[in-house]
């Protein structure tokens, strides 16, 4: 039987501990506080979204591709954003218009995406193989790195579902 002990040694270099609060140097403001609240339009929340989205939302990172998270204002608790210009994720969106099963999907790390580039300023990536659709909107100048980074959380939080034809 092996027993491990941890010993904490406090070396103070001859200074006396007064028991008061520690001094903190530097800027203590959060980048989150520096960014304005972002209004995000969302579809009505469905029972499917209420069942699936909380697991994903609780797994999202505070920082994405070097961009800090930011506050959002929406009618759904399933919207999240990072940075400025914003990268926006919405869980529980409608099926993307233009998506055709088996024809127009890109797979990244086991998650299938439909990519809409119709807007010259925004690229919209939507999962098509999960119990609910998850949409990530990126400025057109941003590559797919944020989408790639989020595939792990999406795959772990939302189980695979065979893509379905139809609306």
N, C-alpha and C. Protein backbone atom coordinates (compact mmCIF):
# COMPACT_ATOMS: atom_id res chain seq x y z
N UNK A 1 0.84 -1.17 0.00
CA UNK A 1 0.00 0.00 0.00
C UNK A 1 0.89 1.24 0.00
N UNK A 2 0.59 2.16 -0.91
CA UNK A 2 1.36 3.38 -1.01
C UNK A 2 0.53 4.53 -0.48
N UNK A 3 1.13 5.33 0.38
CA UNK A 3 0.45 6.49 0.95
C UNK A 3 1.23 7.72 0.54
N UNK A 4 0.52 8.68 0.00
CA UNK A 4 1.18 9.91 -0.44
C UNK A 4 0.74 11.05 0.47
N UNK A 5 1.69 11.86 0.82
CA UNK A 5 1.42 13.02 1.65
C UNK A 5 1.84 14.27 0.88
N UNK A 6 1.05 15.29 0.96
CA UNK A 6 1.41 16.57 0.35
C UNK A 6 1.76 17.53 1.46
N UNK A 7 2.87 18.19 1.32
CA UNK A 7 3.31 19.14 2.31
C UNK A 7 3.38 20.50 1.64
N UNK A 8 2.74 21.46 2.23
CA UNK A 8 2.77 22.81 1.72
C UNK A 8 3.74 23.62 2.56
N UNK A 9 4.75 24.13 1.90
CA UNK A 9 5.75 24.91 2.59
C UNK A 9 5.58 26.36 2.15
N UNK A 10 5.48 27.24 3.11
CA UNK A 10 5.31 28.65 2.82
C UNK A 10 6.61 29.37 3.14
N UNK A 11 7.30 29.78 2.09
CA UNK A 11 8.55 30.50 2.27
C UNK A 11 8.24 31.98 2.08
N UNK A 12 8.43 32.76 3.10
CA UNK A 12 8.06 34.18 3.06
C UNK A 12 9.28 35.10 2.95
N UNK A 13 10.46 34.57 2.99
CA UNK A 13 11.64 35.41 2.83
C UNK A 13 11.79 36.43 3.93
N UNK A 14 11.40 36.09 5.13
CA UNK A 14 11.59 36.97 6.26
C UNK A 14 10.48 37.99 6.45
N UNK A 15 9.45 37.99 5.58
CA UNK A 15 8.36 38.95 5.79
C UNK A 15 7.34 38.35 6.74
N UNK A 16 6.68 39.19 7.43
CA UNK A 16 5.69 38.75 8.40
C UNK A 16 4.32 38.69 7.74
N UNK A 17 3.57 37.61 7.95
CA UNK A 17 2.22 37.46 7.43
C UNK A 17 1.25 38.13 8.39
N UNK A 18 0.59 39.17 7.91
CA UNK A 18 -0.33 39.90 8.78
C UNK A 18 -1.73 39.33 8.75
N UNK A 19 -1.99 38.34 7.87
CA UNK A 19 -3.31 37.74 7.80
C UNK A 19 -4.30 38.55 6.98
N UNK A 20 -3.87 39.68 6.42
CA UNK A 20 -4.75 40.53 5.61
C UNK A 20 -4.89 39.99 4.21
N UNK A 21 -5.70 40.67 3.41
CA UNK A 21 -5.88 40.21 2.03
C UNK A 21 -4.61 40.40 1.21
N UNK A 22 -4.44 39.55 0.24
CA UNK A 22 -3.28 39.63 -0.64
C UNK A 22 -3.44 40.83 -1.57
N UNK A 23 -2.34 41.44 -1.91
CA UNK A 23 -2.37 42.54 -2.85
C UNK A 23 -2.29 41.98 -4.26
N UNK A 24 -3.10 42.54 -5.15
CA UNK A 24 -3.12 42.10 -6.54
C UNK A 24 -2.70 43.27 -7.40
N UNK A 25 -1.69 43.04 -8.23
CA UNK A 25 -1.21 44.09 -9.12
C UNK A 25 -1.74 43.85 -10.52
N UNK A 26 -1.89 44.90 -11.28
CA UNK A 26 -2.32 44.77 -12.67
C UNK A 26 -3.80 45.07 -12.84
N UNK A 27 -4.24 44.96 -14.09
CA UNK A 27 -5.62 45.25 -14.45
C UNK A 27 -6.50 44.06 -14.07
N UNK A 28 -7.54 44.29 -13.31
CA UNK A 28 -8.41 43.21 -12.88
C UNK A 28 -9.71 43.19 -13.66
N UNK A 29 -9.87 44.08 -14.64
CA UNK A 29 -11.10 44.06 -15.44
C UNK A 29 -11.05 42.89 -16.42
N UNK A 30 -12.19 42.37 -16.73
CA UNK A 30 -12.31 41.25 -17.64
C UNK A 30 -12.59 41.77 -19.05
N UNK A 31 -12.01 41.13 -20.10
CA UNK A 31 -12.35 41.54 -21.46
C UNK A 31 -13.85 41.40 -21.71
N UNK A 32 -14.51 40.47 -21.01
CA UNK A 32 -15.94 40.29 -21.14
C UNK A 32 -16.67 41.57 -20.79
N UNK A 33 -16.20 42.27 -19.76
CA UNK A 33 -16.84 43.50 -19.33
C UNK A 33 -16.61 44.64 -20.31
N UNK A 34 -15.55 44.56 -21.10
CA UNK A 34 -15.21 45.62 -22.04
C UNK A 34 -16.04 45.58 -23.31
N UNK A 35 -16.61 44.44 -23.66
CA UNK A 35 -17.39 44.31 -24.88
C UNK A 35 -18.86 44.62 -24.60
N UNK A 36 -19.52 45.34 -25.52
CA UNK A 36 -20.94 45.64 -25.30
C UNK A 36 -21.79 44.38 -25.40
N UNK A 37 -22.96 44.41 -24.77
CA UNK A 37 -23.90 43.29 -24.85
C UNK A 37 -24.33 43.15 -26.31
N UNK A 38 -24.33 41.93 -26.81
CA UNK A 38 -24.64 41.66 -28.20
C UNK A 38 -26.07 41.14 -28.34
N UNK A 39 -26.94 41.86 -29.05
CA UNK A 39 -28.28 41.32 -29.31
C UNK A 39 -28.18 40.17 -30.30
N UNK A 40 -28.83 39.04 -30.00
CA UNK A 40 -28.80 37.86 -30.86
C UNK A 40 -30.23 37.43 -31.14
N UNK A 41 -30.58 37.37 -32.42
CA UNK A 41 -31.90 36.89 -32.80
C UNK A 41 -31.88 35.37 -32.79
N UNK A 42 -32.92 34.80 -32.18
CA UNK A 42 -33.01 33.35 -32.04
C UNK A 42 -34.43 32.89 -32.37
N UNK A 43 -34.58 31.64 -32.82
CA UNK A 43 -35.94 31.13 -33.02
C UNK A 43 -36.56 30.81 -31.66
N UNK A 44 -37.87 30.59 -31.62
CA UNK A 44 -38.49 30.18 -30.36
C UNK A 44 -37.86 28.89 -29.83
N UNK A 45 -37.75 28.80 -28.52
CA UNK A 45 -37.17 27.61 -27.89
C UNK A 45 -38.18 26.46 -28.00
N UNK A 46 -37.69 25.31 -28.44
CA UNK A 46 -38.53 24.11 -28.59
C UNK A 46 -38.25 23.13 -27.46
N UNK A 47 -39.15 22.16 -27.24
CA UNK A 47 -38.86 21.12 -26.26
C UNK A 47 -37.57 20.35 -26.58
N UNK A 48 -37.30 20.14 -27.88
CA UNK A 48 -36.04 19.46 -28.25
C UNK A 48 -34.83 20.27 -27.83
N UNK A 49 -34.90 21.59 -28.02
CA UNK A 49 -33.79 22.45 -27.60
C UNK A 49 -33.64 22.42 -26.09
N UNK A 50 -34.75 22.49 -25.36
CA UNK A 50 -34.68 22.43 -23.90
C UNK A 50 -34.08 21.12 -23.41
N UNK A 51 -34.29 20.04 -24.16
CA UNK A 51 -33.73 18.74 -23.76
C UNK A 51 -32.25 18.61 -24.11
N UNK A 52 -31.82 19.18 -25.24
CA UNK A 52 -30.46 18.94 -25.73
C UNK A 52 -29.47 20.07 -25.44
N UNK A 53 -29.89 21.30 -25.55
CA UNK A 53 -28.96 22.43 -25.53
C UNK A 53 -28.26 22.70 -24.20
N UNK A 54 -28.88 22.48 -23.05
CA UNK A 54 -28.15 22.78 -21.80
C UNK A 54 -26.80 22.06 -21.68
N UNK A 55 -26.72 20.82 -22.15
CA UNK A 55 -25.45 20.08 -22.07
C UNK A 55 -24.37 20.78 -22.90
N UNK A 56 -24.73 21.27 -24.06
CA UNK A 56 -23.76 21.98 -24.90
C UNK A 56 -23.38 23.32 -24.28
N UNK A 57 -24.36 24.07 -23.84
CA UNK A 57 -24.09 25.41 -23.33
C UNK A 57 -23.17 25.37 -22.11
N UNK A 58 -23.31 24.35 -21.29
CA UNK A 58 -22.45 24.24 -20.10
C UNK A 58 -21.02 23.80 -20.45
N UNK A 59 -20.81 23.32 -21.67
CA UNK A 59 -19.48 22.85 -22.08
C UNK A 59 -18.71 23.87 -22.92
N UNK A 60 -19.32 25.01 -23.22
CA UNK A 60 -18.66 25.99 -24.09
C UNK A 60 -17.49 26.67 -23.39
N UNK A 61 -16.42 26.95 -24.13
CA UNK A 61 -15.24 27.58 -23.52
C UNK A 61 -15.46 29.07 -23.28
N UNK A 62 -14.75 29.62 -22.29
CA UNK A 62 -14.81 31.06 -22.03
C UNK A 62 -14.03 31.84 -23.08
N UNK A 63 -13.08 31.18 -23.74
CA UNK A 63 -12.29 31.81 -24.79
C UNK A 63 -12.30 30.89 -26.00
N UNK A 64 -12.46 31.48 -27.19
CA UNK A 64 -12.51 30.71 -28.42
C UNK A 64 -11.60 31.36 -29.45
N UNK A 65 -10.62 30.63 -29.91
CA UNK A 65 -9.66 31.14 -30.91
C UNK A 65 -9.07 32.48 -30.49
N UNK A 66 -8.74 32.59 -29.21
CA UNK A 66 -8.14 33.81 -28.68
C UNK A 66 -9.11 34.93 -28.38
N UNK A 67 -10.39 34.71 -28.60
CA UNK A 67 -11.41 35.74 -28.37
C UNK A 67 -12.16 35.44 -27.07
N UNK A 68 -12.35 36.45 -26.20
CA UNK A 68 -13.08 36.23 -24.95
C UNK A 68 -14.58 36.13 -25.19
N UNK A 69 -15.26 35.42 -24.30
CA UNK A 69 -16.71 35.35 -24.40
C UNK A 69 -17.29 36.73 -24.10
N UNK A 70 -18.51 36.94 -24.54
CA UNK A 70 -19.17 38.21 -24.29
C UNK A 70 -20.64 37.97 -23.97
N UNK A 71 -21.23 38.93 -23.31
CA UNK A 71 -22.64 38.81 -22.93
C UNK A 71 -23.53 38.97 -24.15
N UNK A 72 -24.64 38.21 -24.15
CA UNK A 72 -25.61 38.32 -25.23
C UNK A 72 -26.98 38.64 -24.64
N UNK A 73 -27.81 39.24 -25.47
CA UNK A 73 -29.20 39.49 -25.12
C UNK A 73 -30.05 38.77 -26.15
N UNK A 74 -30.84 37.78 -25.69
CA UNK A 74 -31.68 37.03 -26.62
C UNK A 74 -32.89 36.49 -25.88
N UNK A 75 -33.84 35.99 -26.64
CA UNK A 75 -35.03 35.39 -26.06
C UNK A 75 -34.81 33.92 -25.71
N UNK A 76 -33.60 33.45 -25.84
CA UNK A 76 -33.26 32.06 -25.56
C UNK A 76 -32.01 32.00 -24.69
N UNK A 77 -31.95 31.04 -23.77
CA UNK A 77 -30.72 30.87 -23.01
C UNK A 77 -29.65 30.11 -23.80
N UNK A 78 -29.96 29.77 -25.05
CA UNK A 78 -29.07 28.93 -25.84
C UNK A 78 -28.30 29.72 -26.90
N UNK A 79 -27.92 30.95 -26.57
CA UNK A 79 -27.10 31.78 -27.45
C UNK A 79 -25.84 32.16 -26.69
N UNK A 80 -24.71 32.20 -27.39
CA UNK A 80 -23.41 32.49 -26.78
C UNK A 80 -22.56 33.20 -27.81
N UNK A 81 -21.65 34.06 -27.38
CA UNK A 81 -20.81 34.78 -28.33
C UNK A 81 -19.41 35.00 -27.76
N UNK A 82 -18.48 35.20 -28.68
CA UNK A 82 -17.09 35.51 -28.35
C UNK A 82 -16.63 36.65 -29.25
N UNK A 83 -15.79 37.52 -28.71
CA UNK A 83 -15.04 38.49 -29.48
C UNK A 83 -15.82 39.60 -30.16
N UNK A 84 -15.04 40.42 -30.87
CA UNK A 84 -15.59 41.54 -31.62
C UNK A 84 -14.69 41.77 -32.82
N UNK A 85 -15.15 41.51 -34.05
CA UNK A 85 -16.51 41.16 -34.40
C UNK A 85 -16.87 39.79 -33.85
N UNK A 86 -18.14 39.61 -33.59
CA UNK A 86 -18.61 38.46 -32.82
C UNK A 86 -18.64 37.15 -33.61
N UNK A 87 -18.29 36.10 -32.90
CA UNK A 87 -18.52 34.72 -33.31
C UNK A 87 -19.71 34.30 -32.45
N UNK A 88 -20.82 33.89 -33.09
CA UNK A 88 -22.06 33.64 -32.35
C UNK A 88 -22.50 32.20 -32.53
N UNK A 89 -22.80 31.52 -31.43
CA UNK A 89 -23.36 30.17 -31.45
C UNK A 89 -24.78 30.23 -30.94
N UNK A 90 -25.70 29.56 -31.65
CA UNK A 90 -27.08 29.42 -31.20
C UNK A 90 -27.45 27.95 -31.32
N UNK A 91 -27.90 27.38 -30.23
CA UNK A 91 -28.32 25.98 -30.20
C UNK A 91 -29.84 25.93 -30.32
N UNK A 92 -30.33 25.01 -31.17
CA UNK A 92 -31.77 24.85 -31.33
C UNK A 92 -32.35 25.71 -32.43
N UNK A 93 -31.57 25.94 -33.50
CA UNK A 93 -32.07 26.74 -34.62
C UNK A 93 -32.86 25.85 -35.58
N UNK A 94 -33.48 26.50 -36.58
CA UNK A 94 -34.22 25.78 -37.61
C UNK A 94 -33.26 25.10 -38.58
N UNK A 95 -33.77 24.11 -39.28
CA UNK A 95 -33.00 23.42 -40.31
C UNK A 95 -32.56 24.46 -41.34
N UNK A 96 -31.29 24.43 -41.76
CA UNK A 96 -30.83 25.45 -42.70
C UNK A 96 -31.48 25.32 -44.08
N UNK A 97 -31.93 26.44 -44.62
CA UNK A 97 -32.48 26.46 -45.97
C UNK A 97 -31.35 26.11 -46.93
N UNK A 98 -31.63 25.34 -47.92
CA UNK A 98 -30.61 24.98 -48.90
C UNK A 98 -29.88 23.69 -48.59
N UNK A 99 -30.05 23.15 -47.39
CA UNK A 99 -29.35 21.91 -47.03
C UNK A 99 -30.01 20.72 -47.72
N UNK A 100 -29.20 19.87 -48.37
CA UNK A 100 -29.67 18.65 -49.00
C UNK A 100 -28.88 17.50 -48.39
N UNK A 101 -29.58 16.54 -47.79
CA UNK A 101 -28.92 15.40 -47.13
C UNK A 101 -28.02 14.67 -48.11
N UNK A 102 -26.79 14.40 -47.65
CA UNK A 102 -25.83 13.62 -48.42
C UNK A 102 -25.13 14.38 -49.53
N UNK A 103 -25.50 15.62 -49.77
CA UNK A 103 -24.91 16.36 -50.87
C UNK A 103 -24.07 17.54 -50.39
N UNK A 104 -24.60 18.27 -49.45
CA UNK A 104 -24.00 19.57 -49.15
C UNK A 104 -23.47 19.70 -47.73
N UNK A 105 -22.82 18.67 -47.20
CA UNK A 105 -22.30 18.74 -45.84
C UNK A 105 -20.78 18.59 -45.85
N UNK A 106 -20.16 19.26 -44.88
CA UNK A 106 -18.72 19.14 -44.64
C UNK A 106 -18.56 18.48 -43.28
N UNK A 107 -17.66 17.51 -43.17
CA UNK A 107 -17.44 16.85 -41.88
C UNK A 107 -16.14 17.34 -41.27
N UNK A 108 -16.24 17.76 -39.99
CA UNK A 108 -15.06 18.17 -39.23
C UNK A 108 -15.09 17.42 -37.90
N UNK A 109 -14.08 16.62 -37.66
CA UNK A 109 -13.96 15.87 -36.41
C UNK A 109 -15.24 15.12 -36.04
N UNK A 110 -15.87 14.51 -37.03
CA UNK A 110 -17.05 13.69 -36.77
C UNK A 110 -18.36 14.46 -36.67
N UNK A 111 -18.36 15.74 -36.92
CA UNK A 111 -19.58 16.54 -36.90
C UNK A 111 -19.82 17.04 -38.33
N UNK A 112 -21.05 16.84 -38.83
CA UNK A 112 -21.38 17.28 -40.19
C UNK A 112 -21.99 18.68 -40.15
N UNK A 113 -21.52 19.53 -41.07
CA UNK A 113 -21.91 20.93 -41.13
C UNK A 113 -22.44 21.29 -42.51
N UNK A 114 -23.46 22.12 -42.53
CA UNK A 114 -23.89 22.78 -43.74
C UNK A 114 -23.34 24.20 -43.65
N UNK A 115 -22.70 24.69 -44.70
CA UNK A 115 -22.07 26.01 -44.69
C UNK A 115 -22.79 26.93 -45.66
N UNK A 116 -23.28 28.05 -45.14
CA UNK A 116 -23.98 29.04 -45.94
C UNK A 116 -23.08 30.26 -46.10
N UNK A 117 -22.71 30.57 -47.33
CA UNK A 117 -21.85 31.72 -47.62
C UNK A 117 -22.58 32.78 -48.44
N UNK A 118 -23.91 32.77 -48.42
CA UNK A 118 -24.68 33.72 -49.20
C UNK A 118 -24.46 35.17 -48.78
N UNK A 119 -24.26 35.41 -47.49
CA UNK A 119 -24.01 36.76 -46.99
C UNK A 119 -22.51 37.04 -47.12
N UNK A 120 -22.11 38.09 -47.86
CA UNK A 120 -20.68 38.34 -48.04
C UNK A 120 -19.95 38.74 -46.76
N UNK A 121 -20.69 39.09 -45.71
CA UNK A 121 -20.05 39.52 -44.46
C UNK A 121 -20.03 38.43 -43.38
N UNK A 122 -20.85 37.38 -43.55
CA UNK A 122 -20.97 36.36 -42.51
C UNK A 122 -21.03 34.97 -43.13
N UNK A 123 -20.29 34.04 -42.54
CA UNK A 123 -20.39 32.63 -42.91
C UNK A 123 -21.14 31.92 -41.80
N UNK A 124 -22.18 31.17 -42.17
CA UNK A 124 -23.01 30.50 -41.18
C UNK A 124 -22.81 28.99 -41.32
N UNK A 125 -22.32 28.37 -40.25
CA UNK A 125 -22.11 26.92 -40.18
C UNK A 125 -23.23 26.34 -39.31
N UNK A 126 -23.90 25.28 -39.79
CA UNK A 126 -24.99 24.66 -39.03
C UNK A 126 -24.78 23.15 -38.99
N UNK A 127 -24.82 22.57 -37.79
CA UNK A 127 -24.71 21.12 -37.68
C UNK A 127 -25.96 20.49 -38.27
N UNK A 128 -25.81 19.33 -38.90
CA UNK A 128 -26.96 18.65 -39.50
C UNK A 128 -27.11 17.22 -39.02
N UNK A 129 -26.27 16.81 -38.06
CA UNK A 129 -26.29 15.41 -37.62
C UNK A 129 -26.41 15.27 -36.10
N UNK A 130 -27.11 16.18 -35.48
CA UNK A 130 -27.31 16.18 -34.03
C UNK A 130 -28.80 16.25 -33.74
N UNK A 131 -29.25 15.99 -32.50
CA UNK A 131 -30.69 16.01 -32.20
C UNK A 131 -31.33 17.38 -32.39
N UNK A 132 -30.53 18.44 -32.33
CA UNK A 132 -30.97 19.80 -32.65
C UNK A 132 -29.90 20.43 -33.53
N UNK A 133 -30.31 21.40 -34.31
CA UNK A 133 -29.35 22.12 -35.15
C UNK A 133 -28.63 23.17 -34.32
N UNK A 134 -27.32 23.25 -34.51
CA UNK A 134 -26.48 24.25 -33.82
C UNK A 134 -25.86 25.12 -34.91
N UNK A 135 -26.01 26.42 -34.76
CA UNK A 135 -25.52 27.37 -35.76
C UNK A 135 -24.38 28.19 -35.19
N UNK A 136 -23.31 28.35 -35.97
CA UNK A 136 -22.20 29.22 -35.60
C UNK A 136 -22.04 30.23 -36.74
N UNK A 137 -22.17 31.50 -36.41
CA UNK A 137 -22.00 32.58 -37.38
C UNK A 137 -20.65 33.24 -37.15
N UNK A 138 -19.88 33.35 -38.24
CA UNK A 138 -18.54 33.92 -38.18
C UNK A 138 -18.45 35.10 -39.14
N UNK A 139 -17.65 36.10 -38.79
CA UNK A 139 -17.35 37.11 -39.79
C UNK A 139 -16.70 36.41 -40.99
N UNK A 140 -17.01 36.84 -42.20
CA UNK A 140 -16.47 36.20 -43.40
C UNK A 140 -14.95 36.20 -43.42
N UNK A 141 -14.33 37.12 -42.71
CA UNK A 141 -12.87 37.20 -42.67
C UNK A 141 -12.23 36.16 -41.76
N UNK A 142 -13.05 35.43 -40.99
CA UNK A 142 -12.54 34.43 -40.04
C UNK A 142 -12.62 33.05 -40.69
N UNK A 143 -11.54 32.27 -40.57
CA UNK A 143 -11.55 30.93 -41.14
C UNK A 143 -12.36 29.98 -40.26
N UNK A 144 -12.30 28.70 -40.53
CA UNK A 144 -13.12 27.71 -39.81
C UNK A 144 -12.54 27.28 -38.47
N UNK A 145 -11.46 27.90 -38.00
CA UNK A 145 -10.83 27.49 -36.74
C UNK A 145 -11.80 27.48 -35.55
N UNK A 146 -12.66 28.50 -35.36
CA UNK A 146 -13.59 28.44 -34.24
C UNK A 146 -14.58 27.28 -34.35
N UNK A 147 -15.03 26.99 -35.55
CA UNK A 147 -15.94 25.86 -35.75
C UNK A 147 -15.23 24.56 -35.42
N UNK A 148 -14.02 24.40 -35.92
CA UNK A 148 -13.23 23.21 -35.64
C UNK A 148 -13.01 23.05 -34.13
N UNK A 149 -12.71 24.15 -33.45
CA UNK A 149 -12.47 24.10 -32.01
C UNK A 149 -13.72 23.67 -31.24
N UNK A 150 -14.91 24.02 -31.72
CA UNK A 150 -16.15 23.69 -31.00
C UNK A 150 -16.69 22.29 -31.32
N UNK A 151 -16.13 21.61 -32.32
CA UNK A 151 -16.67 20.29 -32.66
C UNK A 151 -16.53 19.30 -31.52
N UNK A 152 -15.50 19.41 -30.73
CA UNK A 152 -15.33 18.48 -29.60
C UNK A 152 -16.48 18.62 -28.61
N UNK A 153 -16.79 19.85 -28.21
CA UNK A 153 -17.88 20.08 -27.26
C UNK A 153 -19.22 19.65 -27.85
N UNK A 154 -19.43 19.94 -29.12
CA UNK A 154 -20.70 19.56 -29.77
C UNK A 154 -20.83 18.05 -29.82
N UNK A 155 -19.79 17.36 -30.25
CA UNK A 155 -19.83 15.89 -30.36
C UNK A 155 -20.04 15.23 -29.00
N UNK A 156 -19.44 15.79 -27.95
CA UNK A 156 -19.59 15.20 -26.61
C UNK A 156 -20.95 15.50 -26.00
N UNK A 157 -21.49 16.69 -26.24
CA UNK A 157 -22.74 17.09 -25.59
C UNK A 157 -23.99 16.62 -26.34
N UNK A 158 -23.88 16.51 -27.65
CA UNK A 158 -25.05 16.17 -28.48
C UNK A 158 -24.75 14.90 -29.26
N UNK A 159 -25.49 13.82 -29.01
CA UNK A 159 -25.20 12.57 -29.69
C UNK A 159 -25.49 12.65 -31.20
N UNK A 160 -24.80 11.80 -31.94
CA UNK A 160 -25.00 11.73 -33.39
C UNK A 160 -26.43 11.32 -33.69
N UNK A 161 -26.97 11.91 -34.74
CA UNK A 161 -28.28 11.54 -35.27
C UNK A 161 -28.16 11.58 -36.79
N UNK A 162 -28.62 10.55 -37.43
CA UNK A 162 -28.57 10.49 -38.89
C UNK A 162 -29.26 11.71 -39.49
N UNK A 163 -28.59 12.45 -40.39
CA UNK A 163 -29.26 13.59 -41.03
C UNK A 163 -30.54 13.16 -41.73
N UNK A 164 -31.56 14.01 -41.61
CA UNK A 164 -32.87 13.68 -42.18
C UNK A 164 -33.23 14.63 -43.32
N UNK A 165 -33.82 14.10 -44.38
CA UNK A 165 -34.30 14.98 -45.44
C UNK A 165 -35.58 15.68 -44.98
N UNK A 166 -35.94 16.70 -45.70
CA UNK A 166 -37.19 17.40 -45.39
C UNK A 166 -36.96 18.65 -44.58
N UNK A 167 -38.03 19.36 -44.29
CA UNK A 167 -37.91 20.64 -43.56
C UNK A 167 -37.53 20.51 -42.12
